[in-house]
Amino acid sequence: MIGVHDVARRAREIDQMGADYIATHTGYDLQAQGETPFATFNTIKENVTKTKTALEGGIKLTNLDEIKQANPDLLIVGAGIATNDDPTSAAKSFKAAIK
């Protein structure tokens, strides 16, 4: 859903196509402008009935409450683990926190 201007319409179209998942991703450039994946994700979730949802981009332990509230079917953590000084510990922390 990167670069999609009418997220609600496109989510409904993809839902009707029978996709397994629809993911939102907020890249570094948009994160630098203060965007998070949550508004787009919520729009997707409100507009699908069959397709599972995935949340990615800007996922950090500090926004875990928002992640839990969003309740994605799939959570993709990239930089929140990969750019950590101790990625193994970061991965374990995410796993423990989302249980």
PDB file of N, CA and C in Angstrom:
ATOM      1  N   MET A   1       0.820  -1.201   0.000  1.00  0.00           N
ATOM      2  CA  MET A   1       0.000   0.000   0.000  1.00  0.00           C
ATOM      3  C   MET A   1       0.864   1.266   0.000  1.00  0.00           C
ATOM      4  N   ILE A   2       2.147   1.130  -0.257  1.00  0.00           N
ATOM      5  CA  ILE A   2       3.015   2.311  -0.339  1.00  0.00           C
ATOM      6  C   ILE A   2       2.637   3.110  -1.575  1.00  0.00           C
ATOM      7  N   GLY A   3       2.428   4.391  -1.397  1.00  0.00           N
ATOM      8  CA  GLY A   3       2.137   5.281  -2.517  1.00  0.00           C
ATOM      9  C   GLY A   3       0.691   5.272  -2.973  1.00  0.00           C
ATOM     10  N   VAL A   4      -0.169   4.541  -2.304  1.00  0.00           N
ATOM     11  CA  VAL A   4      -1.586   4.503  -2.669  1.00  0.00           C
ATOM     12  C   VAL A   4      -2.265   5.742  -2.096  1.00  0.00           C
ATOM     13  N   HIS A   5      -2.960   6.476  -2.957  1.00  0.00           N
ATOM     14  CA  HIS A   5      -3.586   7.727  -2.511  1.00  0.00           C
ATOM     15  C   HIS A   5      -4.961   7.507  -1.870  1.00  0.00           C
ATOM     16  N   ASP A   6      -5.741   6.593  -2.406  1.00  0.00           N
ATOM     17  CA  ASP A   6      -7.059   6.304  -1.834  1.00  0.00           C
ATOM     18  C   ASP A   6      -6.994   4.914  -1.208  1.00  0.00           C
ATOM     19  N   VAL A   7      -6.493   4.871   0.011  1.00  0.00           N
ATOM     20  CA  VAL A   7      -6.253   3.606   0.703  1.00  0.00           C
ATOM     21  C   VAL A   7      -7.544   2.833   0.915  1.00  0.00           C
ATOM     22  N   ALA A   8      -8.607   3.511   1.297  1.00  0.00           N
ATOM     23  CA  ALA A   8      -9.871   2.830   1.560  1.00  0.00           C
ATOM     24  C   ALA A   8     -10.388   2.129   0.298  1.00  0.00           C
ATOM     25  N   ARG A   9     -10.403   2.829  -0.818  1.00  0.00           N
ATOM     26  CA  ARG A   9     -10.886   2.244  -2.068  1.00  0.00           C
ATOM     27  C   ARG A   9     -10.019   1.061  -2.495  1.00  0.00           C
ATOM     28  N   ARG A  10      -8.707   1.247  -2.439  1.00  0.00           N
ATOM     29  CA  ARG A  10      -7.794   0.182  -2.871  1.00  0.00           C
ATOM     30  C   ARG A  10      -7.887  -1.036  -1.951  1.00  0.00           C
ATOM     31  N   ALA A  11      -8.050  -0.808  -0.657  1.00  0.00           N
ATOM     32  CA  ALA A  11      -8.203  -1.932   0.280  1.00  0.00           C
ATOM     33  C   ALA A  11      -9.449  -2.737  -0.063  1.00  0.00           C
ATOM     34  N   ARG A  12     -10.545  -2.063  -0.382  1.00  0.00           N
ATOM     35  CA  ARG A  12     -11.774  -2.777  -0.758  1.00  0.00           C
ATOM     36  C   ARG A  12     -11.562  -3.580  -2.042  1.00  0.00           C
ATOM     37  N   GLU A  13     -10.856  -2.988  -3.013  1.00  0.00           N
ATOM     38  CA  GLU A  13     -10.572  -3.692  -4.268  1.00  0.00           C
ATOM     39  C   GLU A  13      -9.746  -4.952  -4.016  1.00  0.00           C
ATOM     40  N   ILE A  14      -8.705  -4.808  -3.218  1.00  0.00           N
ATOM     41  CA  ILE A  14      -7.833  -5.945  -2.926  1.00  0.00           C
ATOM     42  C   ILE A  14      -8.582  -7.011  -2.145  1.00  0.00           C
ATOM     43  N   ASP A  15      -9.426  -6.583  -1.230  1.00  0.00           N
ATOM     44  CA  ASP A  15     -10.241  -7.514  -0.455  1.00  0.00           C
ATOM     45  C   ASP A  15     -11.123  -8.345  -1.392  1.00  0.00           C
ATOM     46  N   GLN A  16     -11.721  -7.693  -2.371  1.00  0.00           N
ATOM     47  CA  GLN A  16     -12.582  -8.398  -3.327  1.00  0.00           C
ATOM     48  C   GLN A  16     -11.794  -9.338  -4.233  1.00  0.00           C
ATOM     49  N   MET A  17     -10.518  -9.056  -4.452  1.00  0.00           N
ATOM     50  CA  MET A  17      -9.667  -9.921  -5.283  1.00  0.00           C
ATOM     51  C   MET A  17      -9.316 -11.222  -4.570  1.00  0.00           C
ATOM     52  N   GLY A  18      -9.489 -11.248  -3.248  1.00  0.00           N
ATOM     53  CA  GLY A  18      -9.213 -12.464  -2.495  1.00  0.00           C
ATOM     54  C   GLY A  18      -7.785 -12.583  -1.976  1.00  0.00           C
ATOM     55  N   ALA A  19      -7.120 -11.456  -1.793  1.00  0.00           N
ATOM     56  CA  ALA A  19      -5.751 -11.485  -1.265  1.00  0.00           C
ATOM     57  C   ALA A  19      -5.730 -12.089   0.139  1.00  0.00           C
ATOM     58  N   ASP A  20      -4.623 -12.722   0.466  1.00  0.00           N
ATOM     59  CA  ASP A  20      -4.473 -13.279   1.808  1.00  0.00           C
ATOM     60  C   ASP A  20      -4.222 -12.180   2.835  1.00  0.00           C
ATOM     61  N   TYR A  21      -3.345 -11.216   2.473  1.00  0.00           N
ATOM     62  CA  TYR A  21      -2.960 -10.137   3.389  1.00  0.00           C
ATOM     63  C   TYR A  21      -2.888  -8.812   2.649  1.00  0.00           C
ATOM     64  N   ILE A  22      -3.163  -7.758   3.385  1.00  0.00           N
ATOM     65  CA  ILE A  22      -2.872  -6.385   2.952  1.00  0.00           C
ATOM     66  C   ILE A  22      -1.995  -5.790   4.036  1.00  0.00           C
ATOM     67  N   ALA A  23      -0.865  -5.248   3.618  1.00  0.00           N
ATOM     68  CA  ALA A  23       0.078  -4.670   4.588  1.00  0.00           C
ATOM     69  C   ALA A  23       0.224  -3.181   4.357  1.00  0.00           C
ATOM     70  N   THR A  24       0.425  -2.466   5.439  1.00  0.00           N
ATOM     71  CA  THR A  24       0.832  -1.077   5.338  1.00  0.00           C
ATOM     72  C   THR A  24       2.281  -1.000   5.788  1.00  0.00           C
ATOM     73  N   HIS A  25       3.016  -0.131   5.158  1.00  0.00           N
ATOM     74  CA  HIS A  25       4.421   0.062   5.512  1.00  0.00           C
ATOM     75  C   HIS A  25       4.710   1.551   5.472  1.00  0.00           C
ATOM     76  N   THR A  26       5.299   2.053   6.530  1.00  0.00           N
ATOM     77  CA  THR A  26       5.700   3.458   6.584  1.00  0.00           C
ATOM     78  C   THR A  26       7.216   3.489   6.507  1.00  0.00           C
ATOM     79  N   GLY A  27       7.721   3.947   5.382  1.00  0.00           N
ATOM     80  CA  GLY A  27       9.156   3.993   5.157  1.00  0.00           C
ATOM     81  C   GLY A  27       9.843   5.045   6.006  1.00  0.00           C
ATOM     82  N   TYR A  28      11.169   4.970   6.015  1.00  0.00           N
ATOM     83  CA  TYR A  28      11.970   5.910   6.806  1.00  0.00           C
ATOM     84  C   TYR A  28      11.688   7.358   6.423  1.00  0.00           C
ATOM     85  N   ASP A  29      11.508   7.624   5.119  1.00  0.00           N
ATOM     86  CA  ASP A  29      11.287   8.996   4.681  1.00  0.00           C
ATOM     87  C   ASP A  29      10.011   9.569   5.291  1.00  0.00           C
ATOM     88  N   LEU A  30       8.957   8.765   5.348  1.00  0.00           N
ATOM     89  CA  LEU A  30       7.701   9.230   5.942  1.00  0.00           C
ATOM     90  C   LEU A  30       7.785   9.280   7.464  1.00  0.00           C
ATOM     91  N   GLN A  31       8.500   8.343   8.059  1.00  0.00           N
ATOM     92  CA  GLN A  31       8.693   8.383   9.509  1.00  0.00           C
ATOM     93  C   GLN A  31       9.423   9.659   9.908  1.00  0.00           C
ATOM     94  N   ALA A  32      10.384  10.084   9.079  1.00  0.00           N
ATOM     95  CA  ALA A  32      11.137  11.315   9.360  1.00  0.00           C
ATOM     96  C   ALA A  32      10.225  12.541   9.324  1.00  0.00           C
ATOM     97  N   GLN A  33       9.100  12.423   8.614  1.00  0.00           N
ATOM     98  CA  GLN A  33       8.126  13.511   8.555  1.00  0.00           C
ATOM     99  C   GLN A  33       7.060  13.387   9.639  1.00  0.00           C
ATOM    100  N   GLY A  34       7.225  12.398  10.517  1.00  0.00           N
ATOM    101  CA  GLY A  34       6.306  12.231  11.643  1.00  0.00           C
ATOM    102  C   GLY A  34       5.169  11.254  11.411  1.00  0.00           C
ATOM    103  N   GLU A  35       5.149  10.583  10.274  1.00  0.00           N
ATOM    104  CA  GLU A  35       4.069   9.632  10.006  1.00  0.00           C
ATOM    105  C   GLU A  35       4.327   8.299  10.707  1.00  0.00           C
ATOM    106  N   THR A  36       3.251   7.635  11.043  1.00  0.00           N
ATOM    107  CA  THR A  36       3.302   6.282  11.593  1.00  0.00           C
ATOM    108  C   THR A  36       2.400   5.402  10.725  1.00  0.00           C
ATOM    109  N   PRO A  37       2.483   4.098  10.868  1.00  0.00           N
ATOM    110  CA  PRO A  37       1.636   3.241  10.038  1.00  0.00           C
ATOM    111  C   PRO A  37       0.192   3.134  10.530  1.00  0.00           C
ATOM    112  N   PHE A  38      -0.122   3.687  11.661  1.00  0.00           N
ATOM    113  CA  PHE A  38      -1.397   3.389  12.302  1.00  0.00           C
ATOM    114  C   PHE A  38      -2.626   3.965  11.604  1.00  0.00           C
ATOM    115  N   ALA A  39      -2.578   5.182  11.113  1.00  0.00           N
ATOM    116  CA  ALA A  39      -3.748   5.764  10.432  1.00  0.00           C
ATOM    117  C   ALA A  39      -4.069   4.965   9.173  1.00  0.00           C
ATOM    118  N   THR A  40      -3.051   4.675   8.379  1.00  0.00           N
ATOM    119  CA  THR A  40      -3.265   3.894   7.154  1.00  0.00           C
ATOM    120  C   THR A  40      -3.747   2.495   7.501  1.00  0.00           C
ATOM    121  N   PHE A  41      -3.131   1.894   8.498  1.00  0.00           N
ATOM    122  CA  PHE A  41      -3.532   0.544   8.904  1.00  0.00           C
ATOM    123  C   PHE A  41      -4.997   0.516   9.325  1.00  0.00           C
ATOM    124  N   ASN A  42      -5.412   1.486  10.124  1.00  0.00           N
ATOM    125  CA  ASN A  42      -6.803   1.514  10.582  1.00  0.00           C
ATOM    126  C   ASN A  42      -7.767   1.682   9.415  1.00  0.00           C
ATOM    127  N   THR A  43      -7.388   2.482   8.420  1.00  0.00           N
ATOM    128  CA  THR A  43      -8.218   2.643   7.227  1.00  0.00           C
ATOM    129  C   THR A  43      -8.348   1.312   6.490  1.00  0.00           C
ATOM    130  N   ILE A  44      -7.249   0.608   6.363  1.00  0.00           N
ATOM    131  CA  ILE A  44      -7.293  -0.706   5.715  1.00  0.00           C
ATOM    132  C   ILE A  44      -8.222  -1.638   6.484  1.00  0.00           C
ATOM    133  N   LYS A  45      -8.021  -1.706   7.779  1.00  0.00           N
ATOM    134  CA  LYS A  45      -8.799  -2.636   8.617  1.00  0.00           C
ATOM    135  C   LYS A  45     -10.303  -2.345   8.545  1.00  0.00           C
ATOM    136  N   GLU A  46     -10.649  -1.065   8.437  1.00  0.00           N
ATOM    137  CA  GLU A  46     -12.062  -0.674   8.356  1.00  0.00           C
ATOM    138  C   GLU A  46     -12.686  -1.028   7.009  1.00  0.00           C
ATOM    139  N   ASN A  47     -11.875  -1.310   6.012  1.00  0.00           N
ATOM    140  CA  ASN A  47     -12.389  -1.502   4.659  1.00  0.00           C
ATOM    141  C   ASN A  47     -12.224  -2.904   4.103  1.00  0.00           C
ATOM    142  N   VAL A  48     -11.777  -3.840   4.916  1.00  0.00           N
ATOM    143  CA  VAL A  48     -11.679  -5.228   4.461  1.00  0.00           C
ATOM    144  C   VAL A  48     -12.566  -6.112   5.320  1.00  0.00           C
ATOM    145  N   THR A  49     -13.066  -7.163   4.706  1.00  0.00           N
ATOM    146  CA  THR A  49     -13.906  -8.101   5.458  1.00  0.00           C
ATOM    147  C   THR A  49     -13.336  -9.510   5.448  1.00  0.00           C
ATOM    148  N   LYS A  50     -12.518  -9.825   4.420  1.00  0.00           N
ATOM    149  CA  LYS A  50     -11.985 -11.181   4.290  1.00  0.00           C
ATOM    150  C   LYS A  50     -10.466 -11.227   4.415  1.00  0.00           C
ATOM    151  N   THR A  51      -9.817 -10.173   4.038  1.00  0.00           N
ATOM    152  CA  THR A  51      -8.360 -10.163   3.950  1.00  0.00           C
ATOM    153  C   THR A  51      -7.736  -9.867   5.309  1.00  0.00           C
ATOM    154  N   LYS A  52      -6.706 -10.628   5.646  1.00  0.00           N
ATOM    155  CA  LYS A  52      -5.977 -10.378   6.888  1.00  0.00           C
ATOM    156  C   LYS A  52      -5.111  -9.128   6.717  1.00  0.00           C
ATOM    157  N   THR A  53      -4.725  -8.547   7.848  1.00  0.00           N
ATOM    158  CA  THR A  53      -3.970  -7.294   7.815  1.00  0.00           C
ATOM    159  C   THR A  53      -2.582  -7.464   8.426  1.00  0.00           C
ATOM    160  N   ALA A  54      -1.636  -6.713   7.862  1.00  0.00           N
ATOM    161  CA  ALA A  54      -0.260  -6.736   8.354  1.00  0.00           C
ATOM    162  C   ALA A  54       0.197  -5.303   8.597  1.00  0.00           C
ATOM    163  N   LEU A  55       0.968  -5.119   9.633  1.00  0.00           N
ATOM    164  CA  LEU A  55       1.457  -3.806  10.051  1.00  0.00           C
ATOM    165  C   LEU A  55       2.970  -3.816  10.020  1.00  0.00           C
ATOM    166  N   GLU A  56       3.553  -2.800   9.354  1.00  0.00           N
ATOM    167  CA  GLU A  56       5.005  -2.747   9.196  1.00  0.00           C
ATOM    168  C   GLU A  56       5.445  -1.295   9.036  1.00  0.00           C
ATOM    169  N   GLY A  57       6.655  -1.015   9.471  1.00  0.00           N
ATOM    170  CA  GLY A  57       7.238   0.322   9.304  1.00  0.00           C
ATOM    171  C   GLY A  57       7.002   1.186  10.527  1.00  0.00           C
ATOM    172  N   GLY A  58       8.037   1.518  11.228  1.00  0.00           N
ATOM    173  CA  GLY A  58       7.892   2.331  12.434  1.00  0.00           C
ATOM    174  C   GLY A  58       7.476   1.529  13.649  1.00  0.00           C
ATOM    175  N   ILE A  59       7.717   0.237  13.631  1.00  0.00           N
ATOM    176  CA  ILE A  59       7.339  -0.638  14.738  1.00  0.00           C
ATOM    177  C   ILE A  59       8.474  -0.627  15.762  1.00  0.00           C
ATOM    178  N   LYS A  60       8.139  -0.159  16.950  1.00  0.00           N
ATOM    179  CA  LYS A  60       9.129  -0.039  18.019  1.00  0.00           C
ATOM    180  C   LYS A  60       8.497  -0.501  19.331  1.00  0.00           C
ATOM    181  N   LEU A  61       9.326  -0.862  20.284  1.00  0.00           N
ATOM    182  CA  LEU A  61       8.796  -1.228  21.598  1.00  0.00           C
ATOM    183  C   LEU A  61       8.085  -0.052  22.242  1.00  0.00           C
ATOM    184  N   THR A  62       8.482   1.161  21.901  1.00  0.00           N
ATOM    185  CA  THR A  62       7.867   2.344  22.504  1.00  0.00           C
ATOM    186  C   THR A  62       6.444   2.586  22.022  1.00  0.00           C
ATOM    187  N   ASN A  63       6.036   1.991  20.897  1.00  0.00           N
ATOM    188  CA  ASN A  63       4.649   2.171  20.461  1.00  0.00           C
ATOM    189  C   ASN A  63       3.853   0.865  20.552  1.00  0.00           C
ATOM    190  N   LEU A  64       4.263   0.023  21.468  1.00  0.00           N
ATOM    191  CA  LEU A  64       3.620  -1.272  21.641  1.00  0.00           C
ATOM    192  C   LEU A  64       2.140  -1.163  21.994  1.00  0.00           C
ATOM    193  N   ASP A  65       1.758  -0.169  22.774  1.00  0.00           N
ATOM    194  CA  ASP A  65       0.341  -0.015  23.115  1.00  0.00           C
ATOM    195  C   ASP A  65      -0.493   0.241  21.856  1.00  0.00           C
ATOM    196  N   GLU A  66       0.007   1.094  20.953  1.00  0.00           N
ATOM    197  CA  GLU A  66      -0.697   1.349  19.698  1.00  0.00           C
ATOM    198  C   GLU A  66      -0.756   0.089  18.837  1.00  0.00           C
ATOM    199  N   ILE A  67       0.307  -0.671  18.838  1.00  0.00           N
ATOM    200  CA  ILE A  67       0.347  -1.914  18.066  1.00  0.00           C
ATOM    201  C   ILE A  67      -0.721  -2.871  18.586  1.00  0.00           C
ATOM    202  N   LYS A  68      -0.780  -3.036  19.888  1.00  0.00           N
ATOM    203  CA  LYS A  68      -1.777  -3.937  20.472  1.00  0.00           C
ATOM    204  C   LYS A  68      -3.190  -3.447  20.183  1.00  0.00           C
ATOM    205  N   GLN A  69      -3.394  -2.146  20.245  1.00  0.00           N
ATOM    206  CA  GLN A  69      -4.716  -1.582  19.959  1.00  0.00           C
ATOM    207  C   GLN A  69      -5.092  -1.802  18.490  1.00  0.00           C
ATOM    208  N   ALA A  70      -4.131  -1.674  17.590  1.00  0.00           N
ATOM    209  CA  ALA A  70      -4.389  -1.876  16.161  1.00  0.00           C
ATOM    210  C   ALA A  70      -4.759  -3.336  15.871  1.00  0.00           C
ATOM    211  N   ASN A  71      -4.174  -4.259  16.619  1.00  0.00           N
ATOM    212  CA  ASN A  71      -4.480  -5.686  16.531  1.00  0.00           C
ATOM    213  C   ASN A  71      -4.317  -6.255  15.117  1.00  0.00           C
ATOM    214  N   PRO A  72      -3.123  -6.118  14.548  1.00  0.00           N
ATOM    215  CA  PRO A  72      -2.904  -6.693  13.215  1.00  0.00           C
ATOM    216  C   PRO A  72      -2.874  -8.218  13.269  1.00  0.00           C
ATOM    217  N   ASP A  73      -3.203  -8.832  12.151  1.00  0.00           N
ATOM    218  CA  ASP A  73      -3.087 -10.283  12.055  1.00  0.00           C
ATOM    219  C   ASP A  73      -1.619 -10.696  11.971  1.00  0.00           C
ATOM    220  N   LEU A  74      -0.799  -9.806  11.405  1.00  0.00           N
ATOM    221  CA  LEU A  74       0.621 -10.065  11.249  1.00  0.00           C
ATOM    222  C   LEU A  74       1.381  -8.780  11.557  1.00  0.00           C
ATOM    223  N   LEU A  75       2.419  -8.900  12.340  1.00  0.00           N
ATOM    224  CA  LEU A  75       3.275  -7.761  12.681  1.00  0.00           C
ATOM    225  C   LEU A  75       4.661  -8.028  12.114  1.00  0.00           C
ATOM    226  N   ILE A  76       5.172  -7.084  11.344  1.00  0.00           N
ATOM    227  CA  ILE A  76       6.488  -7.222  10.733  1.00  0.00           C
ATOM    228  C   ILE A  76       7.409  -6.194  11.373  1.00  0.00           C
ATOM    229  N   VAL A  77       8.409  -6.677  12.075  1.00  0.00           N
ATOM    230  CA  VAL A  77       9.354  -5.790  12.749  1.00  0.00           C
ATOM    231  C   VAL A  77      10.676  -5.864  11.992  1.00  0.00           C
ATOM    232  N   GLY A  78      11.111  -4.742  11.469  1.00  0.00           N
ATOM    233  CA  GLY A  78      12.369  -4.690  10.736  1.00  0.00           C
ATOM    234  C   GLY A  78      13.428  -3.956  11.521  1.00  0.00           C
ATOM    235  N   ALA A  79      13.474  -2.645  11.320  1.00  0.00           N
ATOM    236  CA  ALA A  79      14.507  -1.820  11.940  1.00  0.00           C
ATOM    237  C   ALA A  79      14.450  -1.853  13.463  1.00  0.00           C
ATOM    238  N   GLY A  80      13.272  -2.080  14.030  1.00  0.00           N
ATOM    239  CA  GLY A  80      13.149  -2.166  15.478  1.00  0.00           C
ATOM    240  C   GLY A  80      14.018  -3.270  16.070  1.00  0.00           C
ATOM    241  N   ILE A  81      14.373  -4.229  15.234  1.00  0.00           N
ATOM    242  CA  ILE A  81      15.284  -5.297  15.642  1.00  0.00           C
ATOM    243  C   ILE A  81      16.642  -5.125  14.965  1.00  0.00           C
ATOM    244  N   ALA A  82      16.611  -4.968  13.658  1.00  0.00           N
ATOM    245  CA  ALA A  82      17.848  -4.981  12.866  1.00  0.00           C
ATOM    246  C   ALA A  82      18.809  -3.848  13.187  1.00  0.00           C
ATOM    247  N   THR A  83      18.300  -2.686  13.584  1.00  0.00           N
ATOM    248  CA  THR A  83      19.190  -1.561  13.872  1.00  0.00           C
ATOM    249  C   THR A  83      19.533  -1.442  15.345  1.00  0.00           C
ATOM    250  N   ASN A  84      19.051  -2.373  16.133  1.00  0.00           N
ATOM    251  CA  ASN A  84      19.346  -2.373  17.560  1.00  0.00           C
ATOM    252  C   ASN A  84      20.768  -2.879  17.793  1.00  0.00           C
ATOM    253  N   ASP A  85      21.448  -2.332  18.781  1.00  0.00           N
ATOM    254  CA  ASP A  85      22.803  -2.789  19.104  1.00  0.00           C
ATOM    255  C   ASP A  85      22.840  -4.271  19.470  1.00  0.00           C
ATOM    256  N   ASP A  86      21.744  -4.766  20.021  1.00  0.00           N
ATOM    257  CA  ASP A  86      21.642  -6.179  20.373  1.00  0.00           C
ATOM    258  C   ASP A  86      20.350  -6.731  19.763  1.00  0.00           C
ATOM    259  N   PRO A  87      20.386  -7.090  18.474  1.00  0.00           N
ATOM    260  CA  PRO A  87      19.160  -7.516  17.809  1.00  0.00           C
ATOM    261  C   PRO A  87      18.507  -8.753  18.429  1.00  0.00           C
ATOM    262  N   THR A  88      19.292  -9.656  18.963  1.00  0.00           N
ATOM    263  CA  THR A  88      18.726 -10.849  19.597  1.00  0.00           C
ATOM    264  C   THR A  88      17.895 -10.460  20.803  1.00  0.00           C
ATOM    265  N   SER A  89      18.429  -9.577  21.609  1.00  0.00           N
ATOM    266  CA  SER A  89      17.701  -9.105  22.783  1.00  0.00           C
ATOM    267  C   SER A  89      16.447  -8.332  22.378  1.00  0.00           C
ATOM    268  N   ALA A  90      16.562  -7.517  21.346  1.00  0.00           N
ATOM    269  CA  ALA A  90      15.410  -6.749  20.869  1.00  0.00           C
ATOM    270  C   ALA A  90      14.304  -7.687  20.384  1.00  0.00           C
ATOM    271  N   ALA A  91      14.675  -8.720  19.635  1.00  0.00           N
ATOM    272  CA  ALA A  91      13.684  -9.688  19.151  1.00  0.00           C
ATOM    273  C   ALA A  91      12.996 -10.403  20.313  1.00  0.00           C
ATOM    274  N   LYS A  92      13.774 -10.777  21.307  1.00  0.00           N
ATOM    275  CA  LYS A  92      13.206 -11.428  22.486  1.00  0.00           C
ATOM    276  C   LYS A  92      12.261 -10.482  23.227  1.00  0.00           C
ATOM    277  N   SER A  93      12.629  -9.213  23.302  1.00  0.00           N
ATOM    278  CA  SER A  93      11.783  -8.226  23.981  1.00  0.00           C
ATOM    279  C   SER A  93      10.455  -8.062  23.242  1.00  0.00           C
ATOM    280  N   PHE A  94      10.494  -7.987  21.903  1.00  0.00           N
ATOM    281  CA  PHE A  94       9.257  -7.901  21.131  1.00  0.00           C
ATOM    282  C   PHE A  94       8.396  -9.134  21.349  1.00  0.00           C
ATOM    283  N   LYS A  95       9.002 -10.285  21.285  1.00  0.00           N
ATOM    284  CA  LYS A  95       8.252 -11.536  21.448  1.00  0.00           C
ATOM    285  C   LYS A  95       7.571 -11.589  22.816  1.00  0.00           C
ATOM    286  N   ALA A  96       8.308 -11.232  23.854  1.00  0.00           N
ATOM    287  CA  ALA A  96       7.748 -11.256  25.212  1.00  0.00           C
ATOM    288  C   ALA A  96       6.634 -10.213  25.362  1.00  0.00           C
ATOM    289  N   ALA A  97       6.815  -9.067  24.746  1.00  0.00           N
ATOM    290  CA  ALA A  97       5.864  -7.964  24.923  1.00  0.00           C
ATOM    291  C   ALA A  97       4.535  -8.212  24.205  1.00  0.00           C
ATOM    292  N   ILE A  98       4.567  -8.930  23.090  1.00  0.00           N
ATOM    293  CA  ILE A  98       3.332  -9.110  22.337  1.00  0.00           C
ATOM    294  C   ILE A  98       2.559 -10.360  22.731  1.00  0.00           C
ATOM    295  N   LYS A  99       3.100 -11.164  23.602  1.00  0.00           N
ATOM    296  CA  LYS A  99       2.379 -12.359  24.067  1.00  0.00           C
ATOM    297  C   LYS A  99       1.226 -11.986  24.944  1.00  0.00           C
TER     298      LYS A  99
END
